[in-house]
Amino acid sequence: MPRIPPLLIHVTVGINQNIIVKNIILISLSILTVSLLASCGFIRMKKFAKTLETRSLVSKDFVQTIKFRQDSQYIYIDAKVNGDKVDREYILDTGSPTLFFTEAEDTLNLQLKRLYNFGKNNQAKYGFTNAKIGTIEYKNLSYMFLKPYWDFKQLGMLGCNTMQNTIWSFNFMDSIITISDNIEKFTNLDSYYKIKFKPRRSQETPYIQAVINKKDTVSVMIDSGDNTFIKGYDWDKNKFEIDSNNIKICKINLNLYGSNLKKDSIITRKYFRINSLNIGEYEMNNIVVDGGVYQIGLRFLKNFDITFDWINHYFYFKENGTADFPTNINSYGFKVTNNNEKLRVYMLYNDSKAAKLGMKLGDEILSINGIDAKDIDKNILDKINNKLSIDDEFIFTIKGIEKNIKLKKESLF
């Protein structure tokens, strides 16, 4: 090996040291830049949250009745936003501030400010607009602007910062909302259950107290933008005294479910059967609830005539004759979706008959009752996915499984 001159060694070491120092400086600057961006984003978020507390309602001394549309997912109302000449349909959401989606920027000519931006799919803007719901007028209504996880036909959601300082009464039987700024306009509330709610977050999302098994009190968000019945993150904690027989677990592939992720993302979801749940004096027994953030969703709310008094912070509710609370899960043990022209299992209960017979999450279904997968119509998929209360028997041919799987609905609890 040739001998390296001492001077060259010294120079080389010096160069390497300079490179290391430069890299350290660059890394430090990068970390500082990210920290500053995060700090600026946090400050902007804090300022934006403060704007949600500002009352944007202009109208006074009014009673307004409007029709709404409902499906299994959301409540929809018509409104004019940002000087729009026509009514457009928006989702009504008590669990969020007002939000507008990507297409709204050009359609509504929105003037936006940067809220935060930490990458292509993690960015948001905000702004202020006027709005009109029926004859009710708003000015400087705060909103966020972001790219949604799902594809919506609507341009956005009208959040509960549009409901501040007013009373909103929902008649789900007739799909009518009555809105006023005077509680005296609602004369029949004496016959309703009544419970105080605490407005949380800047947009004043309503939270109420619920009592589980007559001993444990939790704070629950009322969220019309969630299509579940009742959720609870910690139902299975020991203090709730729920045994393993009253817990059912399923796995969901979010990518197959429709999130359009680059790669599969598997989540676990739990369902619980609890002995009792009280909301004020109203009691439900042996109900099945979802895991997740504590909240009451649309599948619960639809069973009642409900009134939110955002002036005095009371929630009123009365059964409308349709109350049908889940006390079990009747299912084929899985759910299926049409993904890239293939029928795929996107949800599977761990201890269901389907799982015991070898079905796995992500499996491709080749045929159902001898009918090729490409010829299966939506009605059959709705039956399998429990959207229709039918107990037909189905025979599934699964790719990679030699024997066909024969299933009828089963009660999982």
Protein backbone atom coordinates (compact mmCIF):
# COMPACT_ATOMS: atom_id res chain seq x y z
CA MET A 1 0.00 0.00 0.00
CA PRO A 2 1.43 3.44 -0.91
CA ARG A 3 2.19 5.80 1.96
CA ILE A 4 -0.13 8.84 2.20
CA PRO A 5 1.69 12.11 2.82
CA PRO A 6 0.94 13.66 6.27
CA LEU A 7 -0.21 16.97 4.69
CA LEU A 8 -2.79 15.19 2.51
CA ILE A 9 -4.05 13.30 5.53
CA HIS A 10 -4.43 16.61 7.40
CA VAL A 11 -6.26 18.26 4.49
CA THR A 12 -8.57 15.23 4.01
CA VAL A 13 -9.45 15.13 7.69
CA GLY A 14 -10.08 18.87 7.61
CA ILE A 15 -12.37 18.52 4.61
CA ASN A 16 -14.29 15.67 6.27
CA GLN A 17 -14.64 17.73 9.44
CA ASN A 18 -15.98 20.68 7.42
CA ILE A 19 -18.49 18.41 5.68
CA ILE A 20 -19.63 17.02 9.02
CA VAL A 21 -19.97 20.53 10.49
CA LYS A 22 -21.93 21.69 7.43
CA ASN A 23 -24.23 18.68 7.66
CA ILE A 24 -24.83 19.32 11.34
CA ILE A 25 -25.64 22.97 10.56
CA LEU A 26 -28.00 21.95 7.75
CA ILE A 27 -29.75 19.39 9.93
CA SER A 28 -30.05 21.93 12.75
CA LEU A 29 -31.47 24.54 10.38
CA SER A 30 -33.93 21.99 9.01
CA ILE A 31 -35.08 21.10 12.51
CA LEU A 32 -35.36 24.77 13.41
CA THR A 33 -37.33 25.49 10.22
CA VAL A 34 -39.76 22.64 10.90
CA SER A 35 -40.11 23.81 14.51
CA LEU A 36 -40.82 27.36 13.38
CA LEU A 37 -43.36 26.15 10.82
CA ALA A 38 -45.02 24.00 13.46
CA SER A 39 -44.99 26.93 15.88
CA CYS A 40 -46.46 29.28 13.26
CA GLY A 41 -49.07 26.64 12.41
CA PHE A 42 -49.95 26.27 16.08
CA ILE A 43 -50.25 30.05 16.52
CA ARG A 44 -52.43 30.35 13.41
CA MET A 45 -54.61 27.45 14.61
CA LYS A 46 -55.00 29.14 17.97
CA LYS A 47 -55.95 32.44 16.33
CA PHE A 48 -58.36 30.68 13.98
CA ALA A 49 -59.97 28.83 16.90
CA LYS A 50 -60.51 32.18 18.59
CA THR A 51 -62.38 33.49 15.54
CA LEU A 52 -64.87 30.63 15.88
CA GLU A 53 -66.03 32.16 19.15
CA THR A 54 -67.11 35.34 17.35
CA ARG A 55 -70.85 35.35 16.71
CA SER A 56 -71.45 35.69 12.99
CA LEU A 57 -75.25 35.68 13.19
CA VAL A 58 -76.79 38.90 11.91
CA SER A 59 -80.53 38.14 12.00
CA LYS A 60 -82.53 38.88 15.16
CA ASP A 61 -86.02 38.03 16.45
CA PHE A 62 -86.72 35.32 13.88
CA VAL A 63 -88.32 31.92 13.47
CA GLN A 64 -87.20 30.00 10.38
CA THR A 65 -88.42 26.60 9.20
CA ILE A 66 -86.37 24.72 6.62
CA LYS A 67 -86.50 21.27 5.05
CA PHE A 68 -83.52 18.97 5.32
CA ARG A 69 -82.51 15.77 3.58
CA GLN A 70 -81.18 12.77 5.45
CA ASP A 71 -79.65 9.44 4.54
CA SER A 72 -77.72 6.77 6.44
CA GLN A 73 -74.68 9.06 6.64
CA TYR A 74 -75.58 12.72 7.16
CA ILE A 75 -78.09 15.55 7.46
CA TYR A 76 -78.10 17.94 4.49
CA ILE A 77 -79.45 21.50 4.26
CA ASP A 78 -79.47 24.14 1.54
CA ALA A 79 -77.65 27.45 1.95
CA LYS A 80 -76.20 30.34 -0.02
CA VAL A 81 -72.54 30.99 0.77
CA ASN A 82 -70.21 33.87 -0.15
CA GLY A 83 -72.75 35.71 -2.28
CA ASP A 84 -73.76 32.59 -4.20
CA LYS A 85 -76.92 33.23 -6.21
CA VAL A 86 -78.22 29.67 -5.82
CA ASP A 87 -78.89 27.38 -2.89
CA ARG A 88 -76.43 24.52 -2.65
CA GLU A 89 -76.55 21.46 -0.44
CA TYR A 90 -74.21 21.29 2.57
CA ILE A 91 -73.70 18.69 5.28
CA LEU A 92 -74.81 19.84 8.74
CA ASP A 93 -72.30 18.82 11.41
CA THR A 94 -72.50 19.55 15.14
CA GLY A 95 -69.08 17.93 15.65
CA SER A 96 -66.93 20.35 13.67
CA PRO A 97 -66.50 23.96 12.62
CA THR A 98 -67.68 25.02 9.18
CA LEU A 99 -65.53 23.32 6.53
CA PHE A 100 -65.23 23.79 2.78
CA PHE A 101 -63.69 21.27 0.42
CA THR A 102 -61.40 21.59 -2.60
CA GLU A 103 -64.01 22.37 -5.28
CA ALA A 104 -65.51 25.15 -3.20
CA GLU A 105 -62.55 27.49 -3.76
CA ASP A 106 -63.42 28.27 -7.38
CA THR A 107 -67.16 27.60 -7.19
CA LEU A 108 -67.66 30.00 -4.26
CA ASN A 109 -64.73 32.31 -5.09
CA LEU A 110 -63.30 31.88 -1.60
CA GLN A 111 -60.53 34.18 -0.35
CA LEU A 112 -58.19 31.96 1.62
CA LYS A 113 -55.32 32.35 4.07
CA ARG A 114 -52.74 29.67 4.90
CA LEU A 115 -53.44 27.90 8.18
CA TYR A 116 -50.73 25.26 8.09
CA ASN A 117 -48.89 23.24 5.45
CA PHE A 118 -46.76 20.25 6.41
CA GLY A 119 -46.85 18.40 3.09
CA LYS A 120 -49.02 17.81 0.06
CA ASN A 121 -51.73 15.90 1.92
CA ASN A 122 -51.48 17.73 5.21
CA GLN A 123 -52.47 21.30 4.60
CA ALA A 124 -55.33 23.61 5.45
CA LYS A 125 -56.46 27.17 4.86
CA TYR A 126 -59.08 29.34 6.45
CA GLY A 127 -61.25 32.33 5.71
CA PHE A 128 -64.38 34.30 6.50
CA THR A 129 -67.57 34.43 4.49
CA ASN A 130 -71.18 35.45 4.52
CA ALA A 131 -73.95 32.85 4.42
CA LYS A 132 -77.70 32.57 4.26
CA ILE A 133 -79.81 29.66 5.54
CA GLY A 134 -83.36 30.38 4.47
CA THR A 135 -83.70 34.02 5.53
CA ILE A 136 -81.14 33.76 8.36
CA GLU A 137 -78.03 35.81 7.58
CA TYR A 138 -74.42 35.45 8.71
CA LYS A 139 -71.43 37.70 8.21
CA ASN A 140 -67.74 36.91 8.84
CA LEU A 141 -68.53 33.23 9.34
CA SER A 142 -65.22 31.46 10.09
CA TYR A 143 -64.40 28.34 8.12
CA MET A 144 -61.58 25.94 7.40
CA PHE A 145 -60.67 24.82 3.89
CA LEU A 146 -59.08 21.43 3.36
CA LYS A 147 -58.91 18.33 1.21
CA PRO A 148 -61.32 15.72 2.62
CA TYR A 149 -60.46 12.07 3.11
CA TRP A 150 -63.58 11.04 1.20
CA ASP A 151 -65.19 12.24 -2.01
CA PHE A 152 -68.23 14.38 -1.29
CA LYS A 153 -70.78 15.73 -3.76
CA GLN A 154 -71.26 18.68 -1.41
CA LEU A 155 -68.90 21.65 -1.30
CA GLY A 156 -68.54 21.43 2.45
CA MET A 157 -70.05 21.20 5.93
CA LEU A 158 -71.85 23.87 7.91
CA GLY A 159 -70.48 23.33 11.40
CA CYS A 160 -71.98 24.18 14.75
CA ASN A 161 -70.42 27.65 14.76
CA THR A 162 -73.44 28.47 12.53
CA MET A 163 -75.70 27.39 15.41
CA GLN A 164 -74.19 29.52 18.16
CA ASN A 165 -76.60 31.78 20.03
CA THR A 166 -79.66 30.12 18.46
CA ILE A 167 -82.04 27.20 19.03
CA TRP A 168 -82.25 24.39 16.47
CA SER A 169 -85.10 21.87 16.62
CA PHE A 170 -85.00 18.70 14.44
CA ASN A 171 -88.10 16.75 13.41
CA PHE A 172 -86.68 13.60 11.78
CA MET A 173 -90.09 12.19 10.90
CA ASP A 174 -90.94 15.15 8.67
CA SER A 175 -87.34 16.22 7.88
CA ILE A 176 -87.93 19.74 9.18
CA ILE A 177 -85.63 22.02 11.17
CA THR A 178 -87.02 24.99 13.10
CA ILE A 179 -84.51 27.72 14.02
CA SER A 180 -85.01 30.71 16.28
CA ASP A 181 -83.12 33.00 18.64
CA ASN A 182 -85.91 32.83 21.24
CA ILE A 183 -86.55 29.70 23.34
CA GLU A 184 -90.12 30.86 23.98
CA LYS A 185 -90.95 30.01 20.36
CA PHE A 186 -90.65 26.31 21.30
CA THR A 187 -93.73 25.69 23.44
CA ASN A 188 -93.78 21.87 23.75
CA LEU A 189 -90.41 21.21 25.39
CA ASP A 190 -91.94 20.44 28.82
CA SER A 191 -92.70 16.91 27.60
CA TYR A 192 -89.08 16.30 26.52
CA TYR A 193 -86.12 14.84 28.38
CA LYS A 194 -83.79 17.70 29.21
CA ILE A 195 -80.07 17.66 29.96
CA LYS A 196 -77.48 20.42 30.26
CA PHE A 197 -74.74 20.37 27.67
CA LYS A 198 -71.31 21.92 27.86
CA PRO A 199 -70.11 23.58 24.66
CA ARG A 200 -66.58 22.43 23.92
CA ARG A 201 -63.95 23.61 21.49
CA SER A 202 -64.26 27.03 20.01
CA GLN A 203 -67.12 26.13 17.66
CA GLU A 204 -69.24 25.02 20.68
CA THR A 205 -69.71 21.34 19.93
CA PRO A 206 -72.21 20.05 22.55
CA TYR A 207 -71.01 17.56 25.20
CA ILE A 208 -73.32 15.84 27.69
CA GLN A 209 -72.81 13.55 30.67
CA ALA A 210 -73.77 9.87 30.32
CA VAL A 211 -73.77 7.24 33.07
CA ILE A 212 -72.61 3.70 32.23
CA ASN A 213 -73.93 0.74 34.25
CA LYS A 214 -75.32 3.21 36.81
CA LYS A 215 -71.88 4.02 38.22
CA ASP A 216 -69.40 5.53 35.73
CA THR A 217 -69.92 8.99 34.26
CA VAL A 218 -68.34 10.01 30.95
CA SER A 219 -68.51 13.13 28.79
CA VAL A 220 -69.99 12.38 25.36
CA MET A 221 -69.97 14.56 22.24
CA ILE A 222 -73.19 14.91 20.21
CA ASP A 223 -72.09 14.63 16.60
CA SER A 224 -74.62 14.79 13.76
CA GLY A 225 -71.71 14.30 11.35
CA ASP A 226 -71.08 10.74 12.57
CA ASN A 227 -73.35 7.96 11.30
CA THR A 228 -72.88 5.59 14.25
CA PHE A 229 -75.19 4.94 17.22
CA ILE A 230 -73.05 5.56 20.31
CA LYS A 231 -69.27 5.30 20.60
CA GLY A 232 -66.97 4.95 23.58
CA TYR A 233 -63.21 4.64 23.58
CA ASP A 234 -62.79 3.01 27.00
CA TRP A 235 -65.88 0.84 27.34
CA ASP A 236 -63.66 -2.17 28.00
CA LYS A 237 -61.74 -0.70 30.91
CA ASN A 238 -62.10 -2.73 34.10
CA LYS A 239 -64.12 -0.08 35.87
CA PHE A 240 -66.96 -0.67 33.39
CA GLU A 241 -67.09 -4.36 34.35
CA ILE A 242 -67.52 -5.66 30.80
CA ASP A 243 -66.53 -9.31 30.41
CA SER A 244 -64.90 -10.68 27.28
CA ASN A 245 -68.17 -12.22 26.07
CA ASN A 246 -69.54 -8.71 25.67
CA ILE A 247 -66.70 -7.50 23.46
CA LYS A 248 -66.53 -8.25 19.74
CA ILE A 249 -63.58 -7.29 17.56
CA CYS A 250 -63.32 -6.79 13.82
CA LYS A 251 -60.55 -5.65 11.51
CA ILE A 252 -61.02 -3.17 8.65
CA ASN A 253 -58.78 -2.51 5.67
CA LEU A 254 -59.13 1.27 5.29
CA ASN A 255 -57.70 1.24 1.79
CA LEU A 256 -60.36 -1.21 0.58
CA TYR A 257 -62.96 0.78 2.54
CA GLY A 258 -62.34 3.80 0.32
CA SER A 259 -59.61 5.96 1.82
CA ASN A 260 -57.47 5.68 -1.34
CA LEU A 261 -54.28 5.17 0.61
CA LYS A 262 -51.11 4.12 -1.21
CA LYS A 263 -50.90 0.92 0.80
CA ASP A 264 -53.16 -1.14 3.00
CA SER A 265 -53.91 0.25 6.44
CA ILE A 266 -55.52 -2.20 8.87
CA ILE A 267 -57.39 -0.93 11.92
CA THR A 268 -59.08 -2.80 14.74
CA ARG A 269 -62.58 -1.84 15.83
CA LYS A 270 -64.35 -3.03 18.96
CA TYR A 271 -68.05 -3.37 19.76
CA PHE A 272 -69.40 -3.65 23.30
CA ARG A 273 -72.67 -4.70 24.90
CA ILE A 274 -73.25 -2.73 28.08
CA ASN A 275 -75.92 -3.31 30.74
CA SER A 276 -77.26 0.23 30.87
CA LEU A 277 -76.59 3.75 29.70
CA ASN A 278 -78.37 6.80 31.12
CA ILE A 279 -78.61 10.22 29.51
CA GLY A 280 -80.23 12.28 32.22
CA GLU A 281 -83.36 10.33 33.18
CA TYR A 282 -83.46 8.44 29.90
CA GLU A 283 -82.19 4.85 30.16
CA MET A 284 -81.18 2.25 27.56
CA ASN A 285 -80.49 -1.38 28.52
CA ASN A 286 -78.27 -4.09 26.98
CA ILE A 287 -77.30 -1.93 24.04
CA VAL A 288 -74.42 -2.54 21.65
CA VAL A 289 -72.10 0.43 21.21
CA ASP A 290 -69.04 1.09 19.05
CA GLY A 291 -65.49 1.67 20.17
CA GLY A 292 -64.03 5.07 19.36
CA VAL A 293 -64.13 8.63 20.69
CA TYR A 294 -67.02 9.12 23.12
CA GLN A 295 -69.85 10.42 20.96
CA ILE A 296 -73.51 10.09 20.11
CA GLY A 297 -74.11 9.83 16.38
CA LEU A 298 -76.90 10.17 13.87
CA ARG A 299 -78.23 6.61 14.29
CA PHE A 300 -79.15 7.56 17.88
CA LEU A 301 -80.41 11.07 17.13
CA LYS A 302 -82.83 9.88 14.42
CA ASN A 303 -84.91 8.08 17.06
CA PHE A 304 -85.95 11.38 18.63
CA ASP A 305 -87.32 14.83 18.09
CA ILE A 306 -84.38 16.87 19.35
CA THR A 307 -83.70 20.51 20.20
CA PHE A 308 -80.35 22.17 20.83
CA ASP A 309 -80.55 25.39 22.81
CA TRP A 310 -77.19 27.06 22.18
CA ILE A 311 -78.28 30.11 24.20
CA ASN A 312 -78.91 28.37 27.52
CA HIS A 313 -76.95 25.21 26.65
CA TYR A 314 -79.66 22.56 26.98
CA PHE A 315 -80.30 19.45 24.91
CA TYR A 316 -83.95 18.30 24.65
CA PHE A 317 -85.02 14.95 23.23
CA LYS A 318 -88.20 12.88 22.95
CA GLU A 319 -88.79 9.52 21.26
CA ASN A 320 -90.48 9.95 17.89
CA GLY A 321 -91.85 6.40 17.72
CA THR A 322 -88.99 4.88 15.74
CA ALA A 323 -86.68 4.00 18.65
CA ASP A 324 -84.89 0.75 17.79
CA PHE A 325 -81.61 0.47 19.64
CA PRO A 326 -79.12 -2.28 18.75
CA THR A 327 -78.89 -5.08 21.33
CA ASN A 328 -76.86 -7.46 19.14
CA ILE A 329 -74.92 -7.57 15.88
CA ASN A 330 -76.58 -9.77 13.27
CA SER A 331 -74.12 -10.24 10.46
CA TYR A 332 -72.60 -12.62 7.94
CA GLY A 333 -69.38 -11.92 9.84
CA PHE A 334 -67.79 -9.73 7.19
CA LYS A 335 -68.41 -6.94 4.69
CA VAL A 336 -67.40 -6.76 1.07
CA THR A 337 -66.66 -4.00 -1.41
CA ASN A 338 -66.11 -3.72 -5.14
CA ASN A 339 -62.46 -2.69 -5.39
CA ASN A 340 -60.93 -2.27 -8.86
CA GLU A 341 -63.60 -4.60 -10.31
CA LYS A 342 -62.86 -7.27 -7.71
CA LEU A 343 -65.04 -8.20 -4.74
CA ARG A 344 -62.82 -7.95 -1.67
CA VAL A 345 -63.42 -8.54 2.04
CA TYR A 346 -62.73 -5.17 3.71
CA MET A 347 -64.15 -5.94 7.18
CA LEU A 348 -64.05 -9.21 9.13
CA TYR A 349 -65.12 -10.12 12.69
CA ASN A 350 -62.38 -12.12 14.44
CA ASP A 351 -64.48 -14.93 15.90
CA SER A 352 -67.25 -15.06 13.29
CA LYS A 353 -68.16 -18.28 11.48
CA ALA A 354 -66.70 -16.77 8.29
CA ALA A 355 -63.31 -16.31 9.98
CA LYS A 356 -63.42 -19.80 11.51
CA LEU A 357 -64.04 -21.28 8.04
CA GLY A 358 -60.90 -19.62 6.71
CA MET A 359 -61.99 -16.25 5.33
CA LYS A 360 -59.35 -13.55 5.73
CA LEU A 361 -59.33 -9.77 5.44
CA GLY A 362 -58.58 -8.76 1.84
CA ASP A 363 -59.74 -12.07 0.35
CA GLU A 364 -61.09 -11.91 -3.19
CA ILE A 365 -64.59 -13.38 -3.67
CA LEU A 366 -64.78 -15.11 -7.04
CA SER A 367 -68.49 -15.96 -7.00
CA ILE A 368 -71.61 -15.81 -4.83
CA ASN A 369 -74.21 -18.58 -5.18
CA GLY A 370 -72.46 -19.61 -8.40
CA ILE A 371 -72.77 -16.13 -9.94
CA ASP A 372 -69.47 -14.70 -11.16
CA ALA A 373 -68.27 -11.75 -9.07
CA LYS A 374 -68.41 -9.31 -12.01
CA ASP A 375 -72.15 -10.04 -12.41
CA ILE A 376 -73.12 -9.53 -8.74
CA ASP A 377 -75.60 -6.66 -8.40
CA LYS A 378 -75.74 -4.03 -5.66
CA ASN A 379 -78.80 -5.60 -4.02
CA ILE A 380 -76.83 -8.75 -3.11
CA LEU A 381 -73.94 -6.67 -1.75
CA ASP A 382 -76.37 -4.63 0.36
CA LYS A 383 -77.74 -7.87 1.85
CA ILE A 384 -74.27 -9.16 2.68
CA ASN A 385 -73.21 -5.79 4.12
CA ASN A 386 -76.25 -5.74 6.42
CA LYS A 387 -77.88 -2.76 4.74
CA LEU A 388 -81.01 -4.85 4.23
CA SER A 389 -82.62 -6.95 6.97
CA ILE A 390 -82.53 -10.18 4.97
CA ASP A 391 -81.34 -13.57 6.24
CA ASP A 392 -80.64 -15.30 2.92
CA GLU A 393 -78.09 -18.08 2.78
CA PHE A 394 -75.08 -17.42 0.52
CA ILE A 395 -72.36 -19.69 -0.82
CA PHE A 396 -69.03 -17.93 -1.39
CA THR A 397 -66.17 -19.08 -3.57
CA ILE A 398 -62.98 -17.51 -2.22
CA LYS A 399 -59.69 -17.29 -4.12
CA GLY A 400 -57.15 -19.51 -2.37
CA ILE A 401 -59.72 -21.55 -0.40
CA GLU A 402 -60.60 -24.94 -1.85
CA LYS A 403 -63.98 -25.46 -0.18
CA ASN A 404 -66.86 -23.04 -0.68
CA ILE A 405 -68.04 -21.17 2.42
CA LYS A 406 -71.77 -21.35 3.20
CA LEU A 407 -73.13 -18.64 5.52
CA LYS A 408 -76.33 -17.26 7.00
CA LYS A 409 -76.54 -14.31 9.36
CA GLU A 410 -75.49 -15.01 12.91
CA SER A 411 -75.89 -13.13 16.19
CA LEU A 412 -72.35 -12.26 17.24
CA PHE A 413 -73.15 -11.64 20.91
